[in-house]
């Protein structure tokens, strides 16, 4: 599966952005998607993940209640709605996929990655 993320940009603290991840290629097989982020000088980690059906989701503690991950399998799209943004959300965001019904928090469990999109939140 090939992935392409978009929707990043500049937002003010308290504002919102929606990231989109478009999948192409072998999209008929079940795959989980993770949204990762990496800030300068910091490690890459999973922010939110979603299983194939959309019923299973994961959020890291710092974004719970602010971010919502969703997917539309008919359109091969996965979204990350980010509300009440904070300056510490500033990072490059990447979507990644694995052919599994399970979400993993480990980047090395995702073989397929799209190019990142930069999110900058000003205070």
C-alpha atoms as a PDB file:
ATOM      1  CA  UNK A   1       0.000   0.000   0.000  1.00  0.00           C
ATOM      2  CA  UNK A   2       1.195   3.510  -0.815  1.00  0.00           C
ATOM      3  CA  UNK A   3       0.338   6.417   1.444  1.00  0.00           C
ATOM      4  CA  UNK A   4       0.186  10.152   1.002  1.00  0.00           C
ATOM      5  CA  UNK A   5      -0.552  12.509   3.875  1.00  0.00           C
ATOM      6  CA  UNK A   6      -1.674  16.096   3.549  1.00  0.00           C
ATOM      7  CA  UNK A   7      -3.376  18.808   5.545  1.00  0.00           C
ATOM      8  CA  UNK A   8      -0.555  20.125   7.658  1.00  0.00           C
ATOM      9  CA  UNK A   9       0.140  23.787   8.056  1.00  0.00           C
ATOM     10  CA  UNK A  10       0.232  26.607  10.535  1.00  0.00           C
ATOM     11  CA  UNK A  11      -2.374  26.942  13.258  1.00  0.00           C
ATOM     12  CA  UNK A  12      -2.728  29.048  16.352  1.00  0.00           C
ATOM     13  CA  UNK A  13      -2.985  27.499  19.775  1.00  0.00           C
ATOM     14  CA  UNK A  14      -6.561  26.442  20.325  1.00  0.00           C
ATOM     15  CA  UNK A  15      -7.150  26.041  16.623  1.00  0.00           C
ATOM     16  CA  UNK A  16      -7.840  22.977  14.506  1.00  0.00           C
ATOM     17  CA  UNK A  17      -6.368  21.126  11.574  1.00  0.00           C
ATOM     18  CA  UNK A  18      -7.417  17.960   9.797  1.00  0.00           C
ATOM     19  CA  UNK A  19      -4.827  15.653   8.322  1.00  0.00           C
ATOM     20  CA  UNK A  20      -5.727  13.228   5.569  1.00  0.00           C
ATOM     21  CA  UNK A  21      -3.937  10.068   4.522  1.00  0.00           C
ATOM     22  CA  UNK A  22      -4.768   8.650   1.106  1.00  0.00           C
ATOM     23  CA  UNK A  23      -3.998   5.003   0.482  1.00  0.00           C
ATOM     24  CA  UNK A  24      -3.502   3.359  -2.888  1.00  0.00           C
ATOM     25  CA  UNK A  25      -2.338   0.004  -4.156  1.00  0.00           C
ATOM     26  CA  UNK A  26      -3.297  -3.091  -2.187  1.00  0.00           C
ATOM     27  CA  UNK A  27      -6.149  -1.529  -0.269  1.00  0.00           C
ATOM     28  CA  UNK A  28      -8.475  -4.527  -0.458  1.00  0.00           C
ATOM     29  CA  UNK A  29      -6.627  -6.298   2.340  1.00  0.00           C
ATOM     30  CA  UNK A  30      -7.277  -5.327   5.929  1.00  0.00           C
ATOM     31  CA  UNK A  31      -4.734  -2.846   7.208  1.00  0.00           C
ATOM     32  CA  UNK A  32      -4.354  -0.758  10.313  1.00  0.00           C
ATOM     33  CA  UNK A  33      -3.125   2.820  10.083  1.00  0.00           C
ATOM     34  CA  UNK A  34      -1.125   4.813  12.540  1.00  0.00           C
ATOM     35  CA  UNK A  35      -0.495   8.512  12.732  1.00  0.00           C
ATOM     36  CA  UNK A  36       2.996   9.162  14.069  1.00  0.00           C
ATOM     37  CA  UNK A  37       4.723  12.398  14.810  1.00  0.00           C
ATOM     38  CA  UNK A  38       8.271  13.517  15.308  1.00  0.00           C
ATOM     39  CA  UNK A  39       9.337  16.843  16.715  1.00  0.00           C
ATOM     40  CA  UNK A  40      12.883  18.162  16.203  1.00  0.00           C
ATOM     41  CA  UNK A  41      15.313  16.266  18.378  1.00  0.00           C
ATOM     42  CA  UNK A  42      12.641  13.910  19.667  1.00  0.00           C
ATOM     43  CA  UNK A  43      11.653  10.346  18.963  1.00  0.00           C
ATOM     44  CA  UNK A  44       9.030   9.218  16.533  1.00  0.00           C
ATOM     45  CA  UNK A  45       5.935   7.932  18.313  1.00  0.00           C
ATOM     46  CA  UNK A  46       2.364   6.898  17.677  1.00  0.00           C
ATOM     47  CA  UNK A  47      -0.167   9.633  18.236  1.00  0.00           C
ATOM     48  CA  UNK A  48      -3.283   7.814  17.077  1.00  0.00           C
ATOM     49  CA  UNK A  49      -4.116   4.557  15.369  1.00  0.00           C
ATOM     50  CA  UNK A  50      -7.134   2.900  13.851  1.00  0.00           C
ATOM     51  CA  UNK A  51      -7.952  -0.655  12.939  1.00  0.00           C
ATOM     52  CA  UNK A  52      -9.514  -1.771   9.697  1.00  0.00           C
ATOM     53  CA  UNK A  53     -13.103  -1.640  10.875  1.00  0.00           C
ATOM     54  CA  UNK A  54     -12.659   1.689  12.601  1.00  0.00           C
ATOM     55  CA  UNK A  55     -14.007   0.308  15.864  1.00  0.00           C
ATOM     56  CA  UNK A  56     -10.561  -0.061  17.404  1.00  0.00           C
ATOM     57  CA  UNK A  57      -8.635   3.131  18.007  1.00  0.00           C
ATOM     58  CA  UNK A  58      -5.639   4.228  20.007  1.00  0.00           C
ATOM     59  CA  UNK A  59      -4.580   7.647  21.286  1.00  0.00           C
ATOM     60  CA  UNK A  60      -1.511   8.644  23.168  1.00  0.00           C
ATOM     61  CA  UNK A  61      -2.395  10.308  26.452  1.00  0.00           C
ATOM     62  CA  UNK A  62      -1.370  13.806  25.432  1.00  0.00           C
ATOM     63  CA  UNK A  63      -3.953  13.978  22.627  1.00  0.00           C
ATOM     64  CA  UNK A  64      -6.907  12.179  24.182  1.00  0.00           C
ATOM     65  CA  UNK A  65     -10.018  14.317  24.000  1.00  0.00           C
ATOM     66  CA  UNK A  66      -8.445  16.608  21.391  1.00  0.00           C
ATOM     67  CA  UNK A  67      -7.610  14.370  18.423  1.00  0.00           C
ATOM     68  CA  UNK A  68      -9.933  11.993  16.600  1.00  0.00           C
ATOM     69  CA  UNK A  69      -8.844   9.377  14.095  1.00  0.00           C
ATOM     70  CA  UNK A  70     -11.317   8.024  11.549  1.00  0.00           C
ATOM     71  CA  UNK A  71     -11.326   6.232   8.239  1.00  0.00           C
ATOM     72  CA  UNK A  72     -13.446   5.811   5.142  1.00  0.00           C
ATOM     73  CA  UNK A  73     -12.493   2.505   3.555  1.00  0.00           C
ATOM     74  CA  UNK A  74     -14.685   3.139   0.525  1.00  0.00           C
ATOM     75  CA  UNK A  75     -12.479   6.139  -0.272  1.00  0.00           C
ATOM     76  CA  UNK A  76      -9.246   4.601   1.053  1.00  0.00           C
ATOM     77  CA  UNK A  77      -8.826   7.564   3.361  1.00  0.00           C
ATOM     78  CA  UNK A  78      -7.782   7.949   6.985  1.00  0.00           C
ATOM     79  CA  UNK A  79      -8.180  11.220   8.836  1.00  0.00           C
ATOM     80  CA  UNK A  80      -6.784  12.833  11.945  1.00  0.00           C
ATOM     81  CA  UNK A  81      -8.907  15.665  13.259  1.00  0.00           C
ATOM     82  CA  UNK A  82      -6.844  17.782  15.622  1.00  0.00           C
ATOM     83  CA  UNK A  83      -8.672  20.252  17.851  1.00  0.00           C
ATOM     84  CA  UNK A  84      -7.510  22.547  20.622  1.00  0.00           C
ATOM     85  CA  UNK A  85      -4.007  22.430  19.226  1.00  0.00           C
ATOM     86  CA  UNK A  86      -1.093  23.249  21.491  1.00  0.00           C
ATOM     87  CA  UNK A  87       2.417  24.424  20.624  1.00  0.00           C
ATOM     88  CA  UNK A  88       3.731  21.050  21.780  1.00  0.00           C
ATOM     89  CA  UNK A  89       1.776  19.436  18.945  1.00  0.00           C
ATOM     90  CA  UNK A  90       4.249  20.995  16.526  1.00  0.00           C
ATOM     91  CA  UNK A  91       5.888  18.154  14.610  1.00  0.00           C
ATOM     92  CA  UNK A  92       6.093  16.330  11.344  1.00  0.00           C
ATOM     93  CA  UNK A  93       3.138  13.970  11.135  1.00  0.00           C
ATOM     94  CA  UNK A  94       3.313  10.757   9.157  1.00  0.00           C
ATOM     95  CA  UNK A  95       0.768   8.082   8.386  1.00  0.00           C
ATOM     96  CA  UNK A  96       1.849   4.469   8.276  1.00  0.00           C
ATOM     97  CA  UNK A  97       0.130   1.170   7.543  1.00  0.00           C
ATOM     98  CA  UNK A  98       0.461  -2.470   8.430  1.00  0.00           C
ATOM     99  CA  UNK A  99      -1.480  -5.450   7.074  1.00  0.00           C
ATOM    100  CA  UNK A 100      -3.000  -6.440  10.349  1.00  0.00           C
ATOM    101  CA  UNK A 101      -6.252  -5.938  12.195  1.00  0.00           C
ATOM    102  CA  UNK A 102      -4.226  -4.839  15.202  1.00  0.00           C
ATOM    103  CA  UNK A 103      -2.793  -1.407  15.907  1.00  0.00           C
ATOM    104  CA  UNK A 104       0.818  -1.378  17.041  1.00  0.00           C
ATOM    105  CA  UNK A 105       2.520   1.468  18.878  1.00  0.00           C
ATOM    106  CA  UNK A 106       5.908   0.505  17.484  1.00  0.00           C
ATOM    107  CA  UNK A 107       7.083   2.283  14.313  1.00  0.00           C
ATOM    108  CA  UNK A 108       9.036  -0.783  13.179  1.00  0.00           C
ATOM    109  CA  UNK A 109       5.784  -2.751  12.940  1.00  0.00           C
ATOM    110  CA  UNK A 110       4.617  -0.541  10.071  1.00  0.00           C
ATOM    111  CA  UNK A 111       6.249  -1.424   6.747  1.00  0.00           C
ATOM    112  CA  UNK A 112       4.479   1.264   4.738  1.00  0.00           C
ATOM    113  CA  UNK A 113       4.967   4.976   5.258  1.00  0.00           C
ATOM    114  CA  UNK A 114       3.946   8.115   3.502  1.00  0.00           C
ATOM    115  CA  UNK A 115       5.948  11.344   3.410  1.00  0.00           C
ATOM    116  CA  UNK A 116       5.346  13.566   6.395  1.00  0.00           C
ATOM    117  CA  UNK A 117       3.350  16.735   6.651  1.00  0.00           C
ATOM    118  CA  UNK A 118       4.467  19.545   8.936  1.00  0.00           C
ATOM    119  CA  UNK A 119       2.149  20.902  11.605  1.00  0.00           C
ATOM    120  CA  UNK A 120       3.217  24.102  13.313  1.00  0.00           C
ATOM    121  CA  UNK A 121       1.221  25.504  16.218  1.00  0.00           C
ATOM    122  CA  UNK A 122       1.979  29.020  17.342  1.00  0.00           C
ATOM    123  CA  UNK A 123       1.282  30.291  20.842  1.00  0.00           C
END
